[in-house]
Amino acid sequence: MTFDWDDLRYFLAVARAGRLTAAARIIGSDHATVSRRVGALEKQLGAQLFERSPRGYALTSAGERLLRHGEQIESVAAKVHDDIAGELYALSGSVRIGAPDGFGAFFLAPRLADFARDNPDLEVQLVATPRIFSLSKREADIAITLSRPEKGRLISRKLTDYTLHLYGAPDYLDAHPVTDTETLGQHLLIGYIPELIYTPELDYLSLVMGDHVPQLSSTNLFAQMRAVAAGKGLGILPDFMAQHSPELIAVLPEQIEIRRSFWLVAHQDLRDSARVRTTMRFIADQVGAARGEFLPDAPLPCHK
């Protein structure tokens, strides 16, 4: 033995939490002990595992390599527990989920609260922001994406397709009727900032309006939805969000419909991790149970 295997638990906690205090809380220790055990592991391995800064602990290249091995050892230990003890491996530690702001904050957040309550030893972290998450750099354990990843050591599955429509508020539409797609350029359009769109799947306004630039734009989907609901203009919004708002009604739903997809993605090294595997299964089950919200069967309420 060249190092103490138990030190790996402390290393994994810091790698996932990014800070000593958070890691200590996860592992049930104090930050001084966590620091000492990580330092001992670095000395035993003869390698620096973290870059330390006021912002926290970031993995070095050696740390990233050890993380892969450490998570494999963690998974094997869980399987040994299952096989020998004959009990369900208790979920513990932290799991971080990166998701687009709409899906993450509107759909996933309230459901993850139930998941966290049912798994009290698991720290559930949701990063709901419009960006690409690097799973290889462990910016998240699980990511919800708008397209299937084409490269990298990743596992993925489609969660669901979902539809988007053009929406407006009743008062706005009463004052500014929309008769056909040809007159949309006469309206104040609300959408994403074109040069800050982080994935081409969000560039759907161009499908309807070509090169037309929205007069009011935001990187945040909730800002767009609030502006439309306040009667300030028209915007393309996901049905799974808009249909829950009585201030929004569909505009030309038979003529304007856009379909996109959500994908569930994790790093291949985590495929046997109990915490990741169980969380992914929970998310997939929740989306499956709410399929009608993502792909509504009934006709959408529209302006008369």
C-alpha atoms as a PDB file:
ATOM      1  CA  MET A   1       0.000   0.000   0.000  1.00  0.00           C
ATOM      2  CA  THR A   2       1.415   3.376  -1.016  1.00  0.00           C
ATOM      3  CA  PHE A   3      -1.501   5.452   0.313  1.00  0.00           C
ATOM      4  CA  ASP A   4      -4.428   5.231   2.696  1.00  0.00           C
ATOM      5  CA  TRP A   5      -7.555   4.299   0.729  1.00  0.00           C
ATOM      6  CA  ASP A   6      -9.743   6.130   3.217  1.00  0.00           C
ATOM      7  CA  ASP A   7      -8.088   9.399   2.165  1.00  0.00           C
ATOM      8  CA  LEU A   8      -9.875   8.969  -1.158  1.00  0.00           C
ATOM      9  CA  ARG A   9     -13.203   9.712   0.556  1.00  0.00           C
ATOM     10  CA  TYR A  10     -11.888  13.117   1.585  1.00  0.00           C
ATOM     11  CA  PHE A  11     -10.416  13.731  -1.848  1.00  0.00           C
ATOM     12  CA  LEU A  12     -13.724  12.893  -3.559  1.00  0.00           C
ATOM     13  CA  ALA A  13     -15.657  15.169  -1.223  1.00  0.00           C
ATOM     14  CA  VAL A  14     -13.379  18.143  -1.980  1.00  0.00           C
ATOM     15  CA  ALA A  15     -13.390  17.392  -5.721  1.00  0.00           C
ATOM     16  CA  ARG A  16     -17.198  17.473  -5.752  1.00  0.00           C
ATOM     17  CA  ALA A  17     -17.772  20.360  -3.359  1.00  0.00           C
ATOM     18  CA  GLY A  18     -14.883  22.606  -4.391  1.00  0.00           C
ATOM     19  CA  ARG A  19     -14.396  23.895  -0.828  1.00  0.00           C
ATOM     20  CA  LEU A  20     -13.089  22.406   2.402  1.00  0.00           C
ATOM     21  CA  THR A  21     -16.010  23.535   4.538  1.00  0.00           C
ATOM     22  CA  ALA A  22     -18.578  22.117   2.128  1.00  0.00           C
ATOM     23  CA  ALA A  23     -16.613  18.879   1.814  1.00  0.00           C
ATOM     24  CA  ALA A  24     -16.394  18.599   5.601  1.00  0.00           C
ATOM     25  CA  ARG A  25     -20.158  18.969   5.865  1.00  0.00           C
ATOM     26  CA  ILE A  26     -20.707  16.260   3.264  1.00  0.00           C
ATOM     27  CA  ILE A  27     -18.333  13.783   4.863  1.00  0.00           C
ATOM     28  CA  GLY A  28     -19.271  14.576   8.466  1.00  0.00           C
ATOM     29  CA  SER A  29     -15.919  15.935   9.572  1.00  0.00           C
ATOM     30  CA  ASP A  30     -14.234  19.308  10.065  1.00  0.00           C
ATOM     31  CA  HIS A  31     -12.361  21.335   7.475  1.00  0.00           C
ATOM     32  CA  ALA A  32      -8.992  20.937   9.246  1.00  0.00           C
ATOM     33  CA  THR A  33      -9.259  17.157   9.080  1.00  0.00           C
ATOM     34  CA  VAL A  34     -10.285  17.287   5.425  1.00  0.00           C
ATOM     35  CA  SER A  35      -7.313  19.527   4.621  1.00  0.00           C
ATOM     36  CA  ARG A  36      -4.934  17.251   6.507  1.00  0.00           C
ATOM     37  CA  ARG A  37      -6.203  14.070   4.803  1.00  0.00           C
ATOM     38  CA  VAL A  38      -6.016  15.611   1.325  1.00  0.00           C
ATOM     39  CA  GLY A  39      -2.517  16.895   2.056  1.00  0.00           C
ATOM     40  CA  ALA A  40      -1.469  13.444   3.227  1.00  0.00           C
ATOM     41  CA  LEU A  41      -2.818  11.892   0.041  1.00  0.00           C
ATOM     42  CA  GLU A  42      -0.889  14.372  -2.093  1.00  0.00           C
ATOM     43  CA  LYS A  43       2.289  13.608  -0.172  1.00  0.00           C
ATOM     44  CA  GLN A  44       1.797   9.850  -0.494  1.00  0.00           C
ATOM     45  CA  LEU A  45       1.148  10.083  -4.232  1.00  0.00           C
ATOM     46  CA  GLY A  46       3.832  12.704  -4.836  1.00  0.00           C
ATOM     47  CA  ALA A  47       1.453  14.895  -6.829  1.00  0.00           C
ATOM     48  CA  GLN A  48      -0.522  18.096  -6.371  1.00  0.00           C
ATOM     49  CA  LEU A  49      -4.193  17.198  -6.728  1.00  0.00           C
ATOM     50  CA  PHE A  50      -5.772  20.648  -6.351  1.00  0.00           C
ATOM     51  CA  GLU A  51      -5.074  24.229  -7.305  1.00  0.00           C
ATOM     52  CA  ARG A  52      -5.915  26.237  -4.187  1.00  0.00           C
ATOM     53  CA  SER A  53      -7.309  29.777  -4.463  1.00  0.00           C
ATOM     54  CA  PRO A  54      -9.674  32.078  -2.520  1.00  0.00           C
ATOM     55  CA  ARG A  55     -12.432  30.796  -4.826  1.00  0.00           C
ATOM     56  CA  GLY A  56     -11.912  27.211  -3.697  1.00  0.00           C
ATOM     57  CA  TYR A  57     -10.226  24.005  -4.825  1.00  0.00           C
ATOM     58  CA  ALA A  58      -9.913  23.148  -8.537  1.00  0.00           C
ATOM     59  CA  LEU A  59      -8.606  19.799  -9.765  1.00  0.00           C
ATOM     60  CA  THR A  60      -5.189  19.647 -11.419  1.00  0.00           C
ATOM     61  CA  SER A  61      -4.609  17.217 -14.288  1.00  0.00           C
ATOM     62  CA  ALA A  62      -3.342  14.676 -11.746  1.00  0.00           C
ATOM     63  CA  GLY A  63      -6.430  15.303  -9.649  1.00  0.00           C
ATOM     64  CA  GLU A  64      -8.711  14.692 -12.621  1.00  0.00           C
ATOM     65  CA  ARG A  65      -6.986  11.354 -13.270  1.00  0.00           C
ATOM     66  CA  LEU A  66      -7.311  10.359  -9.621  1.00  0.00           C
ATOM     67  CA  LEU A  67     -10.967  11.404  -9.643  1.00  0.00           C
ATOM     68  CA  ARG A  68     -11.709   8.837 -12.337  1.00  0.00           C
ATOM     69  CA  HIS A  69      -9.983   6.092 -10.357  1.00  0.00           C
ATOM     70  CA  GLY A  70     -11.500   7.230  -7.072  1.00  0.00           C
ATOM     71  CA  GLU A  71     -15.048   7.148  -8.411  1.00  0.00           C
ATOM     72  CA  GLN A  72     -14.454   3.674  -9.813  1.00  0.00           C
ATOM     73  CA  ILE A  73     -13.237   2.531  -6.385  1.00  0.00           C
ATOM     74  CA  GLU A  74     -16.278   4.190  -4.804  1.00  0.00           C
ATOM     75  CA  SER A  75     -18.595   2.338  -7.186  1.00  0.00           C
ATOM     76  CA  VAL A  76     -16.879  -0.989  -6.499  1.00  0.00           C
ATOM     77  CA  ALA A  77     -17.181  -0.378  -2.750  1.00  0.00           C
ATOM     78  CA  ALA A  78     -20.889   0.271  -3.206  1.00  0.00           C
ATOM     79  CA  LYS A  79     -21.300  -2.958  -5.154  1.00  0.00           C
ATOM     80  CA  VAL A  80     -19.427  -4.879  -2.451  1.00  0.00           C
ATOM     81  CA  HIS A  81     -21.779  -3.427   0.145  1.00  0.00           C
ATOM     82  CA  ASP A  82     -24.808  -4.402  -1.926  1.00  0.00           C
ATOM     83  CA  ASP A  83     -23.515  -7.918  -2.568  1.00  0.00           C
ATOM     84  CA  ILE A  84     -22.195  -8.778   0.879  1.00  0.00           C
ATOM     85  CA  ALA A  85     -24.530  -6.821   3.151  1.00  0.00           C
ATOM     86  CA  GLY A  86     -27.549  -7.507   0.977  1.00  0.00           C
ATOM     87  CA  GLU A  87     -28.858  -3.977   1.482  1.00  0.00           C
ATOM     88  CA  LEU A  88     -29.521  -1.024  -0.777  1.00  0.00           C
ATOM     89  CA  TYR A  89     -26.463   1.199  -0.944  1.00  0.00           C
ATOM     90  CA  ALA A  90     -27.335   4.404   0.878  1.00  0.00           C
ATOM     91  CA  LEU A  91     -27.033   7.468  -1.296  1.00  0.00           C
ATOM     92  CA  SER A  92     -24.636  10.026   0.124  1.00  0.00           C
ATOM     93  CA  GLY A  93     -22.327  12.800  -0.951  1.00  0.00           C
ATOM     94  CA  SER A  94     -23.339  15.413  -3.496  1.00  0.00           C
ATOM     95  CA  VAL A  95     -24.703  15.352  -7.009  1.00  0.00           C
ATOM     96  CA  ARG A  96     -24.636  18.445  -9.211  1.00  0.00           C
ATOM     97  CA  ILE A  97     -27.070  18.867 -12.091  1.00  0.00           C
ATOM     98  CA  GLY A  98     -26.544  21.467 -14.793  1.00  0.00           C
ATOM     99  CA  ALA A  99     -29.641  22.435 -16.767  1.00  0.00           C
ATOM    100  CA  PRO A 100     -31.040  25.218 -18.948  1.00  0.00           C
ATOM    101  CA  ASP A 101     -32.766  27.880 -16.867  1.00  0.00           C
ATOM    102  CA  GLY A 102     -36.310  27.078 -17.993  1.00  0.00           C
ATOM    103  CA  PHE A 103     -36.157  23.323 -17.549  1.00  0.00           C
ATOM    104  CA  GLY A 104     -34.001  23.550 -14.441  1.00  0.00           C
ATOM    105  CA  ALA A 105     -35.776  26.256 -12.468  1.00  0.00           C
ATOM    106  CA  PHE A 106     -39.345  25.807 -13.688  1.00  0.00           C
ATOM    107  CA  PHE A 107     -39.700  22.047 -14.086  1.00  0.00           C
ATOM    108  CA  LEU A 108     -36.873  20.354 -12.211  1.00  0.00           C
ATOM    109  CA  ALA A 109     -36.364  22.441  -9.060  1.00  0.00           C
ATOM    110  CA  PRO A 110     -39.622  21.592  -7.241  1.00  0.00           C
ATOM    111  CA  ARG A 111     -39.248  17.919  -8.093  1.00  0.00           C
ATOM    112  CA  LEU A 112     -35.635  17.790  -6.955  1.00  0.00           C
ATOM    113  CA  ALA A 113     -36.757  19.166  -3.601  1.00  0.00           C
ATOM    114  CA  ASP A 114     -38.827  16.005  -3.130  1.00  0.00           C
ATOM    115  CA  PHE A 115     -35.865  13.883  -4.232  1.00  0.00           C
ATOM    116  CA  ALA A 116     -33.585  15.611  -1.717  1.00  0.00           C
ATOM    117  CA  ARG A 117     -36.127  15.123   1.072  1.00  0.00           C
ATOM    118  CA  ASP A 118     -36.357  11.409   0.310  1.00  0.00           C
ATOM    119  CA  ASN A 119     -32.543  11.059   0.314  1.00  0.00           C
ATOM    120  CA  PRO A 120     -31.399  13.038   3.376  1.00  0.00           C
ATOM    121  CA  ASP A 121     -27.733  12.009   3.080  1.00  0.00           C
ATOM    122  CA  LEU A 122     -27.496  13.275  -0.497  1.00  0.00           C
ATOM    123  CA  GLU A 123     -26.707  16.924  -1.223  1.00  0.00           C
ATOM    124  CA  VAL A 124     -28.527  17.867  -4.435  1.00  0.00           C
ATOM    125  CA  GLN A 125     -27.129  20.870  -6.330  1.00  0.00           C
ATOM    126  CA  LEU A 126     -28.961  22.417  -9.276  1.00  0.00           C
ATOM    127  CA  VAL A 127     -27.157  24.869 -11.557  1.00  0.00           C
ATOM    128  CA  ALA A 128     -29.976  26.277 -13.681  1.00  0.00           C
ATOM    129  CA  THR A 129     -28.335  28.616 -16.150  1.00  0.00           C
ATOM    130  CA  PRO A 130     -28.111  28.865 -19.957  1.00  0.00           C
ATOM    131  CA  ARG A 131     -24.618  27.556 -20.640  1.00  0.00           C
ATOM    132  CA  ILE A 132     -22.657  24.487 -21.713  1.00  0.00           C
ATOM    133  CA  PHE A 133     -21.372  22.395 -18.812  1.00  0.00           C
ATOM    134  CA  SER A 134     -18.042  20.577 -19.066  1.00  0.00           C
ATOM    135  CA  LEU A 135     -18.599  17.165 -17.548  1.00  0.00           C
ATOM    136  CA  SER A 136     -14.955  16.220 -18.081  1.00  0.00           C
ATOM    137  CA  LYS A 137     -13.947  19.137 -15.832  1.00  0.00           C
ATOM    138  CA  ARG A 138     -16.643  18.112 -13.330  1.00  0.00           C
ATOM    139  CA  GLU A 139     -18.574  21.367 -13.642  1.00  0.00           C
ATOM    140  CA  ALA A 140     -21.572  19.063 -13.183  1.00  0.00           C
ATOM    141  CA  ASP A 141     -22.155  15.358 -12.622  1.00  0.00           C
ATOM    142  CA  ILE A 142     -25.258  15.361 -14.822  1.00  0.00           C
ATOM    143  CA  ALA A 143     -26.239  17.790 -17.565  1.00  0.00           C
ATOM    144  CA  ILE A 144     -29.491  18.450 -19.370  1.00  0.00           C
ATOM    145  CA  THR A 145     -28.662  19.510 -22.919  1.00  0.00           C
ATOM    146  CA  LEU A 146     -30.574  20.510 -26.029  1.00  0.00           C
ATOM    147  CA  SER A 147     -28.678  18.166 -28.320  1.00  0.00           C
ATOM    148  CA  ARG A 148     -26.983  14.798 -28.100  1.00  0.00           C
ATOM    149  CA  PRO A 149     -23.242  15.142 -27.458  1.00  0.00           C
ATOM    150  CA  GLU A 150     -21.169  14.051 -30.434  1.00  0.00           C
ATOM    151  CA  LYS A 151     -17.794  13.639 -28.741  1.00  0.00           C
ATOM    152  CA  GLY A 152     -16.266  12.900 -25.375  1.00  0.00           C
ATOM    153  CA  ARG A 153     -16.537   9.950 -22.993  1.00  0.00           C
ATOM    154  CA  LEU A 154     -20.184  10.586 -22.241  1.00  0.00           C
ATOM    155  CA  ILE A 155     -23.358   8.562 -21.853  1.00  0.00           C
ATOM    156  CA  SER A 156     -26.646  10.086 -22.940  1.00  0.00           C
ATOM    157  CA  ARG A 157     -30.318   9.370 -23.467  1.00  0.00           C
ATOM    158  CA  LYS A 158     -33.136  11.455 -24.840  1.00  0.00           C
ATOM    159  CA  LEU A 159     -35.502  12.686 -22.142  1.00  0.00           C
ATOM    160  CA  THR A 160     -38.230  14.074 -24.364  1.00  0.00           C
ATOM    161  CA  ASP A 161     -39.102  16.266 -27.290  1.00  0.00           C
ATOM    162  CA  TYR A 162     -40.891  19.502 -26.434  1.00  0.00           C
ATOM    163  CA  THR A 163     -42.747  22.154 -28.389  1.00  0.00           C
ATOM    164  CA  LEU A 164     -42.570  25.943 -28.438  1.00  0.00           C
ATOM    165  CA  HIS A 165     -45.080  28.449 -29.776  1.00  0.00           C
ATOM    166  CA  LEU A 166     -45.374  32.176 -30.235  1.00  0.00           C
ATOM    167  CA  TYR A 167     -47.101  33.765 -27.239  1.00  0.00           C
ATOM    168  CA  GLY A 168     -48.564  37.104 -26.257  1.00  0.00           C
ATOM    169  CA  ALA A 169     -50.682  38.603 -23.505  1.00  0.00           C
ATOM    170  CA  PRO A 170     -54.458  39.127 -24.086  1.00  0.00           C
ATOM    171  CA  ASP A 171     -54.254  42.906 -23.594  1.00  0.00           C
ATOM    172  CA  TYR A 172     -51.401  43.214 -26.063  1.00  0.00           C
ATOM    173  CA  LEU A 173     -53.180  41.114 -28.660  1.00  0.00           C
ATOM    174  CA  ASP A 174     -56.409  43.069 -28.231  1.00  0.00           C
ATOM    175  CA  ALA A 175     -54.512  46.271 -28.977  1.00  0.00           C
ATOM    176  CA  HIS A 176     -52.197  44.748 -31.601  1.00  0.00           C
ATOM    177  CA  PRO A 177     -53.970  41.881 -33.409  1.00  0.00           C
ATOM    178  CA  VAL A 178     -51.812  39.350 -35.239  1.00  0.00           C
ATOM    179  CA  THR A 179     -53.447  38.201 -38.442  1.00  0.00           C
ATOM    180  CA  ASP A 180     -50.656  36.300 -40.183  1.00  0.00           C
ATOM    181  CA  THR A 181     -46.919  35.654 -40.100  1.00  0.00           C
ATOM    182  CA  GLU A 182     -46.268  38.362 -42.689  1.00  0.00           C
ATOM    183  CA  THR A 183     -47.156  41.115 -40.192  1.00  0.00           C
ATOM    184  CA  LEU A 184     -44.996  39.858 -37.305  1.00  0.00           C
ATOM    185  CA  GLY A 185     -42.283  42.368 -38.172  1.00  0.00           C
ATOM    186  CA  GLN A 186     -44.676  45.145 -37.092  1.00  0.00           C
ATOM    187  CA  HIS A 187     -44.671  43.857 -33.509  1.00  0.00           C
ATOM    188  CA  LEU A 188     -42.158  44.184 -30.708  1.00  0.00           C
ATOM    189  CA  LEU A 189     -40.477  40.792 -30.604  1.00  0.00           C
ATOM    190  CA  ILE A 190     -38.816  39.419 -27.479  1.00  0.00           C
ATOM    191  CA  GLY A 191     -36.093  36.763 -27.577  1.00  0.00           C
ATOM    192  CA  TYR A 192     -32.467  35.863 -26.956  1.00  0.00           C
ATOM    193  CA  ILE A 193     -29.509  38.167 -27.556  1.00  0.00           C
ATOM    194  CA  PRO A 194     -28.309  36.745 -30.905  1.00  0.00           C
ATOM    195  CA  GLU A 195     -24.556  36.870 -30.262  1.00  0.00           C
ATOM    196  CA  LEU A 196     -24.935  35.362 -26.770  1.00  0.00           C
ATOM    197  CA  ILE A 197     -26.955  32.302 -27.767  1.00  0.00           C
ATOM    198  CA  TYR A 198     -24.873  29.436 -26.368  1.00  0.00           C
ATOM    199  CA  THR A 199     -26.337  26.660 -28.526  1.00  0.00           C
ATOM    200  CA  PRO A 200     -27.897  26.800 -32.006  1.00  0.00           C
ATOM    201  CA  GLU A 201     -31.034  25.013 -30.756  1.00  0.00           C
ATOM    202  CA  LEU A 202     -32.078  28.289 -29.067  1.00  0.00           C
ATOM    203  CA  ASP A 203     -31.851  30.298 -32.281  1.00  0.00           C
ATOM    204  CA  TYR A 204     -35.481  29.618 -33.119  1.00  0.00           C
ATOM    205  CA  LEU A 205     -36.644  33.195 -33.678  1.00  0.00           C
ATOM    206  CA  SER A 206     -34.656  33.204 -36.918  1.00  0.00           C
ATOM    207  CA  LEU A 207     -36.785  30.267 -38.124  1.00  0.00           C
ATOM    208  CA  VAL A 208     -39.849  32.503 -37.917  1.00  0.00           C
ATOM    209  CA  MET A 209     -38.420  35.934 -38.697  1.00  0.00           C
ATOM    210  CA  GLY A 210     -35.236  35.254 -40.655  1.00  0.00           C
ATOM    211  CA  ASP A 211     -32.602  37.904 -39.909  1.00  0.00           C
ATOM    212  CA  HIS A 212     -34.965  40.010 -37.804  1.00  0.00           C
ATOM    213  CA  VAL A 213     -33.327  40.969 -34.488  1.00  0.00           C
ATOM    214  CA  PRO A 214     -35.603  41.083 -31.416  1.00  0.00           C
ATOM    215  CA  GLN A 215     -36.147  44.602 -30.124  1.00  0.00           C
ATOM    216  CA  LEU A 216     -36.032  43.337 -26.538  1.00  0.00           C
ATOM    217  CA  SER A 217     -33.622  40.532 -25.828  1.00  0.00           C
ATOM    218  CA  SER A 218     -32.262  38.681 -22.804  1.00  0.00           C
ATOM    219  CA  THR A 219     -30.094  35.645 -22.099  1.00  0.00           C
ATOM    220  CA  ASN A 220     -32.650  34.628 -19.450  1.00  0.00           C
ATOM    221  CA  LEU A 221     -35.799  32.759 -20.468  1.00  0.00           C
ATOM    222  CA  PHE A 222     -37.723  33.937 -17.415  1.00  0.00           C
ATOM    223  CA  ALA A 223     -37.011  37.574 -18.320  1.00  0.00           C
ATOM    224  CA  GLN A 224     -38.413  36.939 -21.777  1.00  0.00           C
ATOM    225  CA  MET A 225     -41.515  35.211 -20.417  1.00  0.00           C
ATOM    226  CA  ARG A 226     -42.180  37.945 -17.866  1.00  0.00           C
ATOM    227  CA  ALA A 227     -41.914  40.641 -20.521  1.00  0.00           C
ATOM    228  CA  VAL A 228     -44.350  38.802 -22.800  1.00  0.00           C
ATOM    229  CA  ALA A 229     -46.786  38.139 -19.923  1.00  0.00           C
ATOM    230  CA  ALA A 230     -46.643  41.846 -19.019  1.00  0.00           C
ATOM    231  CA  GLY A 231     -48.039  42.673 -22.463  1.00  0.00           C
ATOM    232  CA  LYS A 232     -44.881  44.208 -23.886  1.00  0.00           C
ATOM    233  CA  GLY A 233     -44.625  42.151 -27.061  1.00  0.00           C
ATOM    234  CA  LEU A 234     -44.504  38.672 -28.578  1.00  0.00           C
ATOM    235  CA  GLY A 235     -42.060  35.887 -27.827  1.00  0.00           C
ATOM    236  CA  ILE A 236     -41.424  32.215 -28.576  1.00  0.00           C
ATOM    237  CA  LEU A 237     -41.733  30.220 -25.356  1.00  0.00           C
ATOM    238  CA  PRO A 238     -41.733  26.539 -24.362  1.00  0.00           C
ATOM    239  CA  ASP A 239     -45.244  25.184 -23.905  1.00  0.00           C
ATOM    240  CA  PHE A 240     -44.294  23.366 -20.679  1.00  0.00           C
ATOM    241  CA  MET A 241     -43.771  26.803 -19.117  1.00  0.00           C
ATOM    242  CA  ALA A 242     -46.217  29.031 -20.953  1.00  0.00           C
ATOM    243  CA  GLN A 243     -49.257  26.806 -20.513  1.00  0.00           C
ATOM    244  CA  HIS A 244     -49.047  27.314 -16.742  1.00  0.00           C
ATOM    245  CA  SER A 245     -49.363  31.093 -17.085  1.00  0.00           C
ATOM    246  CA  PRO A 246     -52.901  32.498 -17.512  1.00  0.00           C
ATOM    247  CA  GLU A 247     -51.357  35.723 -18.826  1.00  0.00           C
ATOM    248  CA  LEU A 248     -50.080  33.960 -21.953  1.00  0.00           C
ATOM    249  CA  ILE A 249     -51.983  32.713 -24.981  1.00  0.00           C
ATOM    250  CA  ALA A 250     -50.678  31.185 -28.184  1.00  0.00           C
ATOM    251  CA  VAL A 251     -50.486  33.202 -31.394  1.00  0.00           C
ATOM    252  CA  LEU A 252     -50.964  31.436 -34.738  1.00  0.00           C
ATOM    253  CA  PRO A 253     -50.315  28.017 -33.149  1.00  0.00           C
ATOM    254  CA  GLU A 254     -51.207  26.119 -36.307  1.00  0.00           C
ATOM    255  CA  GLN A 255     -48.666  28.079 -38.339  1.00  0.00           C
ATOM    256  CA  ILE A 256     -45.841  28.529 -35.857  1.00  0.00           C
ATOM    257  CA  GLU A 257     -44.635  25.487 -33.933  1.00  0.00           C
ATOM    258  CA  ILE A 258     -41.046  24.597 -33.099  1.00  0.00           C
ATOM    259  CA  ARG A 259     -39.857  21.278 -31.702  1.00  0.00           C
ATOM    260  CA  ARG A 260     -36.709  20.743 -29.667  1.00  0.00           C
ATOM    261  CA  SER A 261     -35.337  17.968 -27.419  1.00  0.00           C
ATOM    262  CA  PHE A 262     -33.870  17.552 -23.952  1.00  0.00           C
ATOM    263  CA  TRP A 263     -31.032  15.062 -23.421  1.00  0.00           C
ATOM    264  CA  LEU A 264     -29.779  13.585 -20.165  1.00  0.00           C
ATOM    265  CA  VAL A 265     -25.969  13.347 -20.134  1.00  0.00           C
ATOM    266  CA  ALA A 266     -23.295  12.150 -17.692  1.00  0.00           C
ATOM    267  CA  HIS A 267     -19.618  11.270 -17.884  1.00  0.00           C
ATOM    268  CA  GLN A 268     -18.905   7.642 -18.652  1.00  0.00           C
ATOM    269  CA  ASP A 269     -16.764   7.333 -15.518  1.00  0.00           C
ATOM    270  CA  LEU A 270     -19.866   7.985 -13.407  1.00  0.00           C
ATOM    271  CA  ARG A 271     -22.167   5.445 -15.033  1.00  0.00           C
ATOM    272  CA  ASP A 272     -21.847   3.071 -12.056  1.00  0.00           C
ATOM    273  CA  SER A 273     -22.049   5.763  -9.382  1.00  0.00           C
ATOM    274  CA  ALA A 274     -25.115   5.107  -7.232  1.00  0.00           C
ATOM    275  CA  ARG A 275     -25.794   8.790  -6.622  1.00  0.00           C
ATOM    276  CA  VAL A 276     -25.555   9.678 -10.312  1.00  0.00           C
ATOM    277  CA  ARG A 277     -27.405   6.625 -11.556  1.00  0.00           C
ATOM    278  CA  THR A 278     -30.289   7.128  -9.110  1.00  0.00           C
ATOM    279  CA  THR A 279     -30.557  10.853  -9.843  1.00  0.00           C
ATOM    280  CA  MET A 280     -30.622  10.258 -13.590  1.00  0.00           C
ATOM    281  CA  ARG A 281     -33.331   7.657 -13.188  1.00  0.00           C
ATOM    282  CA  PHE A 282     -35.368  10.062 -11.049  1.00  0.00           C
ATOM    283  CA  ILE A 283     -35.125  12.861 -13.631  1.00  0.00           C
ATOM    284  CA  ALA A 284     -36.087  10.521 -16.470  1.00  0.00           C
ATOM    285  CA  ASP A 285     -39.071   9.209 -14.479  1.00  0.00           C
ATOM    286  CA  GLN A 286     -40.282  12.729 -13.687  1.00  0.00           C
ATOM    287  CA  VAL A 287     -40.059  13.807 -17.322  1.00  0.00           C
ATOM    288  CA  GLY A 288     -41.838  10.645 -18.447  1.00  0.00           C
ATOM    289  CA  ALA A 289     -44.684  11.266 -15.994  1.00  0.00           C
ATOM    290  CA  ALA A 290     -45.094  14.823 -17.320  1.00  0.00           C
ATOM    291  CA  ARG A 291     -44.880  13.985 -21.020  1.00  0.00           C
ATOM    292  CA  GLY A 292     -48.127  15.833 -21.746  1.00  0.00           C
ATOM    293  CA  GLU A 293     -46.643  19.097 -20.514  1.00  0.00           C
ATOM    294  CA  PHE A 294     -43.761  18.924 -22.966  1.00  0.00           C
ATOM    295  CA  LEU A 295     -45.919  17.722 -25.885  1.00  0.00           C
ATOM    296  CA  PRO A 296     -49.464  18.988 -25.215  1.00  0.00           C
ATOM    297  CA  ASP A 297     -52.220  16.904 -26.786  1.00  0.00           C
ATOM    298  CA  ALA A 298     -55.001  19.421 -26.360  1.00  0.00           C
ATOM    299  CA  PRO A 299     -55.202  22.510 -28.600  1.00  0.00           C
ATOM    300  CA  LEU A 300     -53.475  25.513 -27.045  1.00  0.00           C
ATOM    301  CA  PRO A 301     -55.646  28.471 -25.991  1.00  0.00           C
ATOM    302  CA  CYS A 302     -55.215  31.131 -28.665  1.00  0.00           C
ATOM    303  CA  HIS A 303     -56.343  34.672 -29.323  1.00  0.00           C
ATOM    304  CA  LYS A 304     -59.711  34.993 -31.028  1.00  0.00           C
END
